[in-house]
Amino acid sequence: MRVLVQDAPFDLGAETQAFAQGHSDMGAIVTFTGVVRDLPGDPLQVMEIEHYPGMTELALREMAETAKERFSLGDVLVIHRFGALKPGEMIMMVATAAPHRKDAFAAADFLMDYLKSRAPFWKREITAKGATWVASKEADEDALGQWETP
């Protein structure tokens, strides 16, 4: 399991290839890559992402461990960037390896919902009109709710 929080860009192909190697006992590898999206009507100049070093890595590691156990994963990779990112830049990557595809897909979805709603990052969008902190969206909270155990 690897969890990286970094300001530097990552090589999606190299990370995917490295993750896939050595998992001959896994029947499925799923990857998801998040990209900074431009804003309609008021073009995004930059998205600034802040975090508390140490706290963020621990929180992501704990969630990756939860996913690994809950979905019987063989391995997990989470990369999340911070700093100033422009539209089109890769912001994060999740990779999951499992014996069966349903668990690999579900685990990736679970991790994405967590990263979107609970990961300790603070995002600020900067446009020509000024800067705005990104607020939590109800749809993201609803998506996270599907993973709650009764």
C-alpha atoms as a PDB file:
ATOM      1  CA  MET A   1       0.000   0.000   0.000  1.00  0.00           C
ATOM      2  CA  ARG A   2       1.262   3.451  -0.909  1.00  0.00           C
ATOM      3  CA  VAL A   3      -0.212   6.803   0.057  1.00  0.00           C
ATOM      4  CA  LEU A   4       1.497   9.919  -1.294  1.00  0.00           C
ATOM      5  CA  VAL A   5       0.650  13.564  -0.711  1.00  0.00           C
ATOM      6  CA  GLN A   6       2.887  15.671  -2.907  1.00  0.00           C
ATOM      7  CA  ASP A   7       3.171  18.959  -4.739  1.00  0.00           C
ATOM      8  CA  ALA A   8       5.000  17.475  -7.733  1.00  0.00           C
ATOM      9  CA  PRO A   9       3.144  16.120 -10.773  1.00  0.00           C
ATOM     10  CA  PHE A  10       3.044  12.338 -11.141  1.00  0.00           C
ATOM     11  CA  ASP A  11       3.442  10.143 -14.214  1.00  0.00           C
ATOM     12  CA  LEU A  12       0.125   8.331 -14.586  1.00  0.00           C
ATOM     13  CA  GLY A  13       1.514   5.670 -16.916  1.00  0.00           C
ATOM     14  CA  ALA A  14       4.537   4.928 -14.749  1.00  0.00           C
ATOM     15  CA  GLU A  15       2.449   4.808 -11.561  1.00  0.00           C
ATOM     16  CA  THR A  16      -0.111   2.496 -13.163  1.00  0.00           C
ATOM     17  CA  GLN A  17       2.579   0.210 -14.571  1.00  0.00           C
ATOM     18  CA  ALA A  18       4.452   0.035 -11.270  1.00  0.00           C
ATOM     19  CA  PHE A  19       1.227  -0.680  -9.379  1.00  0.00           C
ATOM     20  CA  ALA A  20       0.203  -3.464 -11.778  1.00  0.00           C
ATOM     21  CA  GLN A  21       3.529  -5.302 -11.561  1.00  0.00           C
ATOM     22  CA  GLY A  22       3.742  -8.110  -9.067  1.00  0.00           C
ATOM     23  CA  HIS A  23       0.001  -8.642  -8.733  1.00  0.00           C
ATOM     24  CA  SER A  24      -0.338 -11.877 -10.697  1.00  0.00           C
ATOM     25  CA  ASP A  25      -2.697 -13.168  -7.993  1.00  0.00           C
ATOM     26  CA  MET A  26      -5.120 -10.291  -8.590  1.00  0.00           C
ATOM     27  CA  GLY A  27      -7.765 -10.542 -11.309  1.00  0.00           C
ATOM     28  CA  ALA A  28      -8.554  -6.822 -11.468  1.00  0.00           C
ATOM     29  CA  ILE A  29      -6.747  -3.515 -11.272  1.00  0.00           C
ATOM     30  CA  VAL A  30      -8.827  -0.352 -11.356  1.00  0.00           C
ATOM     31  CA  THR A  31      -7.442   3.170 -11.620  1.00  0.00           C
ATOM     32  CA  PHE A  32      -9.091   6.554 -11.411  1.00  0.00           C
ATOM     33  CA  THR A  33      -7.426   9.883 -12.065  1.00  0.00           C
ATOM     34  CA  GLY A  34      -8.912  13.212 -11.051  1.00  0.00           C
ATOM     35  CA  VAL A  35      -8.177  16.290 -13.149  1.00  0.00           C
ATOM     36  CA  VAL A  36      -8.583  19.956 -12.208  1.00  0.00           C
ATOM     37  CA  ARG A  37     -11.724  21.075 -14.015  1.00  0.00           C
ATOM     38  CA  ASP A  38     -12.203  24.540 -15.484  1.00  0.00           C
ATOM     39  CA  LEU A  39     -15.192  26.603 -14.378  1.00  0.00           C
ATOM     40  CA  PRO A  40     -18.004  27.543 -16.758  1.00  0.00           C
ATOM     41  CA  GLY A  41     -18.458  31.280 -17.300  1.00  0.00           C
ATOM     42  CA  ASP A  42     -15.512  32.364 -15.147  1.00  0.00           C
ATOM     43  CA  PRO A  43     -12.372  30.492 -16.232  1.00  0.00           C
ATOM     44  CA  LEU A  44     -10.313  29.006 -13.441  1.00  0.00           C
ATOM     45  CA  GLN A  45      -6.800  30.429 -13.277  1.00  0.00           C
ATOM     46  CA  VAL A  46      -5.587  28.126 -10.540  1.00  0.00           C
ATOM     47  CA  MET A  47      -6.858  25.863  -7.779  1.00  0.00           C
ATOM     48  CA  GLU A  48      -4.880  26.109  -4.570  1.00  0.00           C
ATOM     49  CA  ILE A  49      -4.953  23.015  -2.392  1.00  0.00           C
ATOM     50  CA  GLU A  50      -3.797  23.163   1.212  1.00  0.00           C
ATOM     51  CA  HIS A  51      -3.341  20.448   3.839  1.00  0.00           C
ATOM     52  CA  TYR A  52      -1.693  19.745   7.183  1.00  0.00           C
ATOM     53  CA  PRO A  53       1.361  17.523   6.588  1.00  0.00           C
ATOM     54  CA  GLY A  54       1.296  14.426   8.734  1.00  0.00           C
ATOM     55  CA  MET A  55      -2.405  14.661   9.532  1.00  0.00           C
ATOM     56  CA  THR A  56      -3.448  14.332   5.891  1.00  0.00           C
ATOM     57  CA  GLU A  57      -1.184  11.369   5.165  1.00  0.00           C
ATOM     58  CA  LEU A  58      -2.415   9.570   8.291  1.00  0.00           C
ATOM     59  CA  ALA A  59      -6.073  10.149   7.399  1.00  0.00           C
ATOM     60  CA  LEU A  60      -5.555   8.881   3.837  1.00  0.00           C
ATOM     61  CA  ARG A  61      -3.567   5.868   5.042  1.00  0.00           C
ATOM     62  CA  GLU A  62      -6.345   4.944   7.484  1.00  0.00           C
ATOM     63  CA  MET A  63      -8.991   5.183   4.764  1.00  0.00           C
ATOM     64  CA  ALA A  64      -6.852   3.102   2.383  1.00  0.00           C
ATOM     65  CA  GLU A  65      -6.503   0.444   5.107  1.00  0.00           C
ATOM     66  CA  THR A  66     -10.268   0.494   5.620  1.00  0.00           C
ATOM     67  CA  ALA A  67     -10.814  -0.007   1.874  1.00  0.00           C
ATOM     68  CA  LYS A  68      -8.224  -2.792   1.764  1.00  0.00           C
ATOM     69  CA  GLU A  69      -9.987  -4.720   4.524  1.00  0.00           C
ATOM     70  CA  ARG A  70     -13.570  -3.954   3.494  1.00  0.00           C
ATOM     71  CA  PHE A  71     -13.102  -4.968  -0.149  1.00  0.00           C
ATOM     72  CA  SER A  72     -10.477  -7.726   0.262  1.00  0.00           C
ATOM     73  CA  LEU A  73      -7.924  -5.792  -1.756  1.00  0.00           C
ATOM     74  CA  GLY A  74      -4.462  -7.024  -2.492  1.00  0.00           C
ATOM     75  CA  ASP A  75      -3.097  -3.503  -2.804  1.00  0.00           C
ATOM     76  CA  VAL A  76      -4.037   0.188  -2.804  1.00  0.00           C
ATOM     77  CA  LEU A  77      -2.381   3.330  -4.173  1.00  0.00           C
ATOM     78  CA  VAL A  78      -3.516   6.866  -3.379  1.00  0.00           C
ATOM     79  CA  ILE A  79      -1.715   9.919  -4.725  1.00  0.00           C
ATOM     80  CA  HIS A  80      -3.058  13.401  -4.007  1.00  0.00           C
ATOM     81  CA  ARG A  81      -1.385  16.649  -4.939  1.00  0.00           C
ATOM     82  CA  PHE A  82      -1.375  19.981  -3.155  1.00  0.00           C
ATOM     83  CA  GLY A  83      -0.243  23.475  -4.102  1.00  0.00           C
ATOM     84  CA  ALA A  84      -1.272  25.563  -7.115  1.00  0.00           C
ATOM     85  CA  LEU A  85      -2.798  23.477  -9.919  1.00  0.00           C
ATOM     86  CA  LYS A  86      -4.087  24.685 -13.279  1.00  0.00           C
ATOM     87  CA  PRO A  87      -7.067  23.334 -15.231  1.00  0.00           C
ATOM     88  CA  GLY A  88      -6.189  20.077 -16.945  1.00  0.00           C
ATOM     89  CA  GLU A  89      -3.535  19.067 -14.407  1.00  0.00           C
ATOM     90  CA  MET A  90      -3.875  15.746 -12.617  1.00  0.00           C
ATOM     91  CA  ILE A  91      -4.853  16.326  -9.005  1.00  0.00           C
ATOM     92  CA  MET A  92      -5.074  12.745  -7.732  1.00  0.00           C
ATOM     93  CA  MET A  93      -4.991   9.054  -8.521  1.00  0.00           C
ATOM     94  CA  VAL A  94      -6.464   5.971  -6.886  1.00  0.00           C
ATOM     95  CA  ALA A  95      -5.546   2.417  -7.855  1.00  0.00           C
ATOM     96  CA  THR A  96      -6.995  -0.765  -6.386  1.00  0.00           C
ATOM     97  CA  ALA A  97      -6.066  -4.412  -6.949  1.00  0.00           C
ATOM     98  CA  ALA A  98      -8.447  -7.213  -6.030  1.00  0.00           C
ATOM     99  CA  PRO A  99      -9.055 -10.832  -6.970  1.00  0.00           C
ATOM    100  CA  HIS A 100     -12.343  -9.792  -8.622  1.00  0.00           C
ATOM    101  CA  ARG A 101     -13.367  -6.677 -10.569  1.00  0.00           C
ATOM    102  CA  LYS A 102     -16.435  -5.800  -8.489  1.00  0.00           C
ATOM    103  CA  ASP A 103     -14.336  -5.356  -5.353  1.00  0.00           C
ATOM    104  CA  ALA A 104     -11.678  -3.362  -7.240  1.00  0.00           C
ATOM    105  CA  PHE A 105     -14.308  -1.009  -8.717  1.00  0.00           C
ATOM    106  CA  ALA A 106     -16.237  -0.673  -5.447  1.00  0.00           C
ATOM    107  CA  ALA A 107     -13.068   0.083  -3.491  1.00  0.00           C
ATOM    108  CA  ALA A 108     -11.997   2.756  -5.979  1.00  0.00           C
ATOM    109  CA  ASP A 109     -15.469   4.311  -5.794  1.00  0.00           C
ATOM    110  CA  PHE A 110     -15.406   4.164  -1.978  1.00  0.00           C
ATOM    111  CA  LEU A 111     -11.995   5.863  -1.865  1.00  0.00           C
ATOM    112  CA  MET A 112     -13.076   8.561  -4.331  1.00  0.00           C
ATOM    113  CA  ASP A 113     -16.171   9.361  -2.285  1.00  0.00           C
ATOM    114  CA  TYR A 114     -13.999   9.640   0.821  1.00  0.00           C
ATOM    115  CA  LEU A 115     -11.402  11.819  -0.895  1.00  0.00           C
ATOM    116  CA  LYS A 116     -14.104  14.125  -2.226  1.00  0.00           C
ATOM    117  CA  SER A 117     -15.914  14.563   1.102  1.00  0.00           C
ATOM    118  CA  ARG A 118     -13.695  13.733   4.052  1.00  0.00           C
ATOM    119  CA  ALA A 119     -10.023  13.953   3.145  1.00  0.00           C
ATOM    120  CA  PRO A 120      -8.433  16.896   4.990  1.00  0.00           C
ATOM    121  CA  PHE A 121      -7.692  19.145   2.027  1.00  0.00           C
ATOM    122  CA  TRP A 122      -8.840  22.732   1.584  1.00  0.00           C
ATOM    123  CA  LYS A 123      -9.380  23.959  -1.968  1.00  0.00           C
ATOM    124  CA  ARG A 124      -9.606  27.505  -3.201  1.00  0.00           C
ATOM    125  CA  GLU A 125     -10.548  28.416  -6.758  1.00  0.00           C
ATOM    126  CA  ILE A 126      -8.944  31.548  -8.157  1.00  0.00           C
ATOM    127  CA  THR A 127     -10.482  33.298 -11.159  1.00  0.00           C
ATOM    128  CA  ALA A 128     -10.277  36.789 -12.646  1.00  0.00           C
ATOM    129  CA  LYS A 129     -13.176  37.702 -10.312  1.00  0.00           C
ATOM    130  CA  GLY A 130     -11.322  36.632  -7.154  1.00  0.00           C
ATOM    131  CA  ALA A 131     -10.797  33.641  -4.882  1.00  0.00           C
ATOM    132  CA  THR A 132     -13.463  31.339  -3.416  1.00  0.00           C
ATOM    133  CA  TRP A 133     -13.083  28.413  -1.022  1.00  0.00           C
ATOM    134  CA  VAL A 134     -14.688  25.243  -2.399  1.00  0.00           C
ATOM    135  CA  ALA A 135     -17.626  24.201  -0.223  1.00  0.00           C
ATOM    136  CA  SER A 136     -18.807  20.656   0.352  1.00  0.00           C
ATOM    137  CA  LYS A 137     -21.595  19.655  -2.032  1.00  0.00           C
ATOM    138  CA  GLU A 138     -24.728  17.835  -0.966  1.00  0.00           C
ATOM    139  CA  ALA A 139     -24.299  15.322  -3.801  1.00  0.00           C
ATOM    140  CA  ASP A 140     -20.830  14.410  -2.498  1.00  0.00           C
ATOM    141  CA  GLU A 141     -22.209  13.903   1.000  1.00  0.00           C
ATOM    142  CA  ASP A 142     -25.028  11.752  -0.383  1.00  0.00           C
ATOM    143  CA  ALA A 143     -22.508   9.631  -2.313  1.00  0.00           C
ATOM    144  CA  LEU A 144     -20.493   9.063   0.859  1.00  0.00           C
ATOM    145  CA  GLY A 145     -23.653   7.995   2.675  1.00  0.00           C
ATOM    146  CA  GLN A 146     -24.001   4.873   0.542  1.00  0.00           C
ATOM    147  CA  TRP A 147     -20.949   3.394   2.294  1.00  0.00           C
ATOM    148  CA  GLU A 148     -22.269   3.730   5.838  1.00  0.00           C
ATOM    149  CA  THR A 149     -22.878   0.417   7.526  1.00  0.00           C
ATOM    150  CA  PRO A 150     -26.202   0.072   9.358  1.00  0.00           C
END
